[in-house]
Amino acid sequence: MLQLLYFARLRERFERDAERVALPAGVADVAGLTAWLRERGDPWVTELAPGRPVRVAVNQDMADAATPVADGDEVAFFPPVTGG
């Protein structure tokens, strides 16, 4: 199982702050996981669209599209945050 966490606008748009999902067959990295989530339709396809400002962390380490995901991982999705 993967623990998925959603923060800020994503939490609001997805109407949940977390969920547990079985690691989908064929999904081995952040890019594959994101593509799988987009298959849910809107708002997933809109919020996780290529080029949309969304950051990802795997097990609390910043990740990119090629970062592997494995059963038992925690994957967090969040918009970039700016401070001032």
N, C-alpha and C. Protein backbone atom coordinates (compact mmCIF):
# COMPACT_ATOMS: atom_id res chain seq x y z
N MET A 1 0.85 -1.19 0.00
CA MET A 1 0.00 0.00 0.00
C MET A 1 0.88 1.25 0.00
N LEU A 2 0.41 2.26 -0.68
CA LEU A 2 1.03 3.58 -0.65
C LEU A 2 0.18 4.49 0.22
N GLN A 3 0.82 5.34 0.98
CA GLN A 3 0.12 6.38 1.72
C GLN A 3 0.28 7.66 0.90
N LEU A 4 -0.83 8.19 0.39
CA LEU A 4 -0.80 9.42 -0.39
C LEU A 4 -1.31 10.56 0.48
N LEU A 5 -0.58 11.66 0.47
CA LEU A 5 -0.94 12.84 1.25
C LEU A 5 -1.13 14.02 0.29
N TYR A 6 -2.12 14.85 0.57
CA TYR A 6 -2.42 16.01 -0.27
C TYR A 6 -2.48 17.26 0.62
N PHE A 7 -1.86 18.33 0.16
CA PHE A 7 -1.78 19.55 0.96
C PHE A 7 -2.30 20.76 0.19
N ALA A 8 -2.71 21.78 0.96
CA ALA A 8 -3.13 23.08 0.45
C ALA A 8 -4.26 22.93 -0.57
N ARG A 9 -4.14 23.56 -1.74
CA ARG A 9 -5.25 23.54 -2.71
C ARG A 9 -5.57 22.13 -3.18
N LEU A 10 -4.58 21.23 -3.19
CA LEU A 10 -4.85 19.87 -3.64
C LEU A 10 -5.77 19.16 -2.66
N ARG A 11 -5.57 19.37 -1.39
CA ARG A 11 -6.45 18.79 -0.37
C ARG A 11 -7.88 19.26 -0.59
N GLU A 12 -8.04 20.54 -0.89
CA GLU A 12 -9.37 21.09 -1.11
C GLU A 12 -9.99 20.55 -2.39
N ARG A 13 -9.22 20.52 -3.47
CA ARG A 13 -9.76 20.07 -4.75
C ARG A 13 -10.07 18.56 -4.77
N PHE A 14 -9.23 17.76 -4.10
CA PHE A 14 -9.43 16.31 -4.08
C PHE A 14 -10.38 15.87 -2.97
N GLU A 15 -10.75 16.83 -2.11
CA GLU A 15 -11.67 16.58 -1.00
C GLU A 15 -11.19 15.47 -0.07
N ARG A 16 -9.89 15.47 0.16
CA ARG A 16 -9.29 14.52 1.11
C ARG A 16 -7.87 14.99 1.39
N ASP A 17 -7.38 14.66 2.57
CA ASP A 17 -6.01 15.02 2.89
C ASP A 17 -5.06 13.83 2.78
N ALA A 18 -5.63 12.62 2.72
CA ALA A 18 -4.80 11.42 2.62
C ALA A 18 -5.64 10.25 2.14
N GLU A 19 -4.96 9.26 1.63
CA GLU A 19 -5.61 7.99 1.29
C GLU A 19 -4.55 6.92 1.16
N ARG A 20 -4.97 5.69 1.34
CA ARG A 20 -4.09 4.54 1.13
C ARG A 20 -4.57 3.83 -0.12
N VAL A 21 -3.62 3.53 -1.01
CA VAL A 21 -3.95 2.83 -2.25
C VAL A 21 -2.96 1.70 -2.46
N ALA A 22 -3.42 0.65 -3.11
CA ALA A 22 -2.52 -0.43 -3.51
C ALA A 22 -1.64 0.10 -4.64
N LEU A 23 -0.38 -0.24 -4.60
CA LEU A 23 0.53 0.18 -5.66
C LEU A 23 0.03 -0.42 -6.97
N PRO A 24 -0.36 0.44 -7.92
CA PRO A 24 -0.91 -0.06 -9.17
C PRO A 24 0.14 -0.86 -9.97
N ALA A 25 -0.30 -1.91 -10.63
CA ALA A 25 0.59 -2.71 -11.47
C ALA A 25 1.22 -1.81 -12.52
N GLY A 26 2.50 -1.95 -12.72
CA GLY A 26 3.21 -1.18 -13.74
C GLY A 26 3.66 0.19 -13.30
N VAL A 27 3.28 0.62 -12.11
CA VAL A 27 3.70 1.93 -11.60
C VAL A 27 4.98 1.75 -10.79
N ALA A 28 6.05 2.41 -11.24
CA ALA A 28 7.35 2.24 -10.59
C ALA A 28 7.97 3.55 -10.15
N ASP A 29 7.39 4.68 -10.57
CA ASP A 29 7.98 5.97 -10.24
C ASP A 29 6.89 7.03 -10.09
N VAL A 30 7.33 8.23 -9.72
CA VAL A 30 6.40 9.33 -9.50
C VAL A 30 5.61 9.65 -10.78
N ALA A 31 6.27 9.61 -11.92
CA ALA A 31 5.58 9.89 -13.18
C ALA A 31 4.45 8.90 -13.41
N GLY A 32 4.70 7.63 -13.19
CA GLY A 32 3.67 6.61 -13.36
C GLY A 32 2.54 6.76 -12.38
N LEU A 33 2.87 7.09 -11.13
CA LEU A 33 1.84 7.29 -10.12
C LEU A 33 0.96 8.48 -10.47
N THR A 34 1.58 9.57 -10.89
CA THR A 34 0.83 10.76 -11.26
C THR A 34 -0.07 10.48 -12.45
N ALA A 35 0.43 9.77 -13.44
CA ALA A 35 -0.39 9.41 -14.61
C ALA A 35 -1.57 8.55 -14.18
N TRP A 36 -1.34 7.61 -13.28
CA TRP A 36 -2.41 6.75 -12.78
C TRP A 36 -3.48 7.57 -12.05
N LEU A 37 -3.05 8.53 -11.23
CA LEU A 37 -4.02 9.37 -10.53
C LEU A 37 -4.83 10.22 -11.51
N ARG A 38 -4.20 10.70 -12.58
CA ARG A 38 -4.93 11.50 -13.57
C ARG A 38 -6.03 10.68 -14.25
N GLU A 39 -5.90 9.38 -14.29
CA GLU A 39 -6.94 8.54 -14.90
C GLU A 39 -8.25 8.61 -14.14
N ARG A 40 -8.24 9.16 -12.93
CA ARG A 40 -9.47 9.33 -12.16
C ARG A 40 -10.38 10.40 -12.75
N GLY A 41 -9.86 11.22 -13.65
CA GLY A 41 -10.65 12.31 -14.23
C GLY A 41 -10.49 13.57 -13.41
N ASP A 42 -11.37 14.53 -13.66
CA ASP A 42 -11.30 15.80 -12.93
C ASP A 42 -11.72 15.60 -11.49
N PRO A 43 -11.10 16.30 -10.57
CA PRO A 43 -10.10 17.36 -10.69
C PRO A 43 -8.66 16.85 -10.81
N TRP A 44 -8.46 15.55 -10.74
CA TRP A 44 -7.11 14.98 -10.77
C TRP A 44 -6.37 15.35 -12.05
N VAL A 45 -7.04 15.21 -13.18
CA VAL A 45 -6.39 15.47 -14.46
C VAL A 45 -5.99 16.95 -14.57
N THR A 46 -6.79 17.83 -14.02
CA THR A 46 -6.48 19.26 -14.07
C THR A 46 -5.35 19.62 -13.11
N GLU A 47 -5.48 19.19 -11.87
CA GLU A 47 -4.50 19.58 -10.84
C GLU A 47 -3.14 18.92 -11.03
N LEU A 48 -3.09 17.74 -11.63
CA LEU A 48 -1.82 17.03 -11.81
C LEU A 48 -1.36 17.05 -13.26
N ALA A 49 -1.90 17.99 -14.04
CA ALA A 49 -1.52 18.10 -15.46
C ALA A 49 -0.05 18.46 -15.60
N PRO A 50 0.57 17.96 -16.66
CA PRO A 50 1.97 18.35 -16.91
C PRO A 50 2.09 19.87 -16.97
N GLY A 51 3.12 20.39 -16.34
CA GLY A 51 3.34 21.84 -16.30
C GLY A 51 2.65 22.55 -15.16
N ARG A 52 1.73 21.88 -14.50
CA ARG A 52 1.03 22.47 -13.35
C ARG A 52 2.00 22.49 -12.16
N PRO A 53 2.04 23.57 -11.40
CA PRO A 53 3.00 23.65 -10.29
C PRO A 53 2.61 22.76 -9.11
N VAL A 54 3.15 21.55 -9.10
CA VAL A 54 2.91 20.60 -8.01
C VAL A 54 4.25 19.97 -7.65
N ARG A 55 4.55 19.96 -6.39
CA ARG A 55 5.77 19.31 -5.89
C ARG A 55 5.38 17.95 -5.32
N VAL A 56 6.37 17.06 -5.29
CA VAL A 56 6.14 15.72 -4.77
C VAL A 56 7.30 15.35 -3.84
N ALA A 57 6.98 14.70 -2.75
CA ALA A 57 7.99 14.16 -1.85
C ALA A 57 7.68 12.68 -1.64
N VAL A 58 8.72 11.86 -1.66
CA VAL A 58 8.58 10.44 -1.38
C VAL A 58 9.34 10.17 -0.09
N ASN A 59 8.63 9.68 0.91
CA ASN A 59 9.21 9.43 2.23
C ASN A 59 9.92 10.66 2.77
N GLN A 60 9.26 11.81 2.58
CA GLN A 60 9.69 13.11 3.09
C GLN A 60 10.95 13.66 2.43
N ASP A 61 11.34 13.11 1.29
CA ASP A 61 12.44 13.65 0.49
C ASP A 61 11.86 14.17 -0.82
N MET A 62 12.28 15.37 -1.22
CA MET A 62 11.80 15.94 -2.48
C MET A 62 12.09 14.95 -3.61
N ALA A 63 11.14 14.85 -4.53
CA ALA A 63 11.22 13.86 -5.59
C ALA A 63 10.99 14.53 -6.95
N ASP A 64 11.39 13.83 -7.99
CA ASP A 64 11.06 14.26 -9.34
C ASP A 64 10.34 13.11 -10.04
N ALA A 65 10.03 13.29 -11.30
CA ALA A 65 9.23 12.30 -12.03
C ALA A 65 9.87 10.91 -12.04
N ALA A 66 11.19 10.85 -12.03
CA ALA A 66 11.90 9.57 -12.12
C ALA A 66 12.13 8.90 -10.77
N THR A 67 11.74 9.55 -9.67
CA THR A 67 11.94 8.97 -8.35
C THR A 67 11.11 7.70 -8.21
N PRO A 68 11.73 6.59 -7.83
CA PRO A 68 10.98 5.34 -7.67
C PRO A 68 9.97 5.41 -6.52
N VAL A 69 8.87 4.68 -6.67
CA VAL A 69 7.92 4.48 -5.58
C VAL A 69 7.76 2.98 -5.39
N ALA A 70 7.59 2.59 -4.14
CA ALA A 70 7.47 1.16 -3.82
C ALA A 70 6.41 0.98 -2.74
N ASP A 71 5.94 -0.23 -2.63
CA ASP A 71 4.97 -0.57 -1.61
C ASP A 71 5.49 -0.12 -0.24
N GLY A 72 4.63 0.55 0.52
CA GLY A 72 5.00 1.04 1.84
C GLY A 72 5.46 2.49 1.86
N ASP A 73 5.65 3.09 0.70
CA ASP A 73 6.10 4.48 0.65
C ASP A 73 5.00 5.46 1.01
N GLU A 74 5.42 6.64 1.47
CA GLU A 74 4.54 7.77 1.68
C GLU A 74 4.85 8.78 0.58
N VAL A 75 3.83 9.18 -0.17
CA VAL A 75 4.02 10.12 -1.27
C VAL A 75 3.12 11.34 -1.00
N ALA A 76 3.75 12.50 -0.93
CA ALA A 76 3.02 13.74 -0.65
C ALA A 76 3.01 14.61 -1.89
N PHE A 77 1.85 15.20 -2.18
CA PHE A 77 1.68 16.12 -3.29
C PHE A 77 1.29 17.48 -2.70
N PHE A 78 1.96 18.54 -3.15
CA PHE A 78 1.67 19.86 -2.63
C PHE A 78 2.09 20.93 -3.62
N PRO A 79 1.40 22.07 -3.61
CA PRO A 79 1.82 23.17 -4.48
C PRO A 79 3.08 23.82 -3.91
N PRO A 80 3.86 24.48 -4.78
CA PRO A 80 5.03 25.20 -4.26
C PRO A 80 4.60 26.25 -3.24
N VAL A 81 5.42 26.46 -2.26
CA VAL A 81 5.11 27.45 -1.23
C VAL A 81 6.15 28.55 -1.29
N THR A 82 5.65 29.78 -1.22
CA THR A 82 6.58 30.91 -1.16
C THR A 82 6.42 31.59 0.17
N GLY A 83 7.47 32.15 0.63
CA GLY A 83 7.44 32.86 1.90
C GLY A 83 7.86 34.30 1.72
N GLY A 84 7.69 35.05 2.76
CA GLY A 84 8.06 36.44 2.56
C GLY A 84 8.47 37.12 3.79
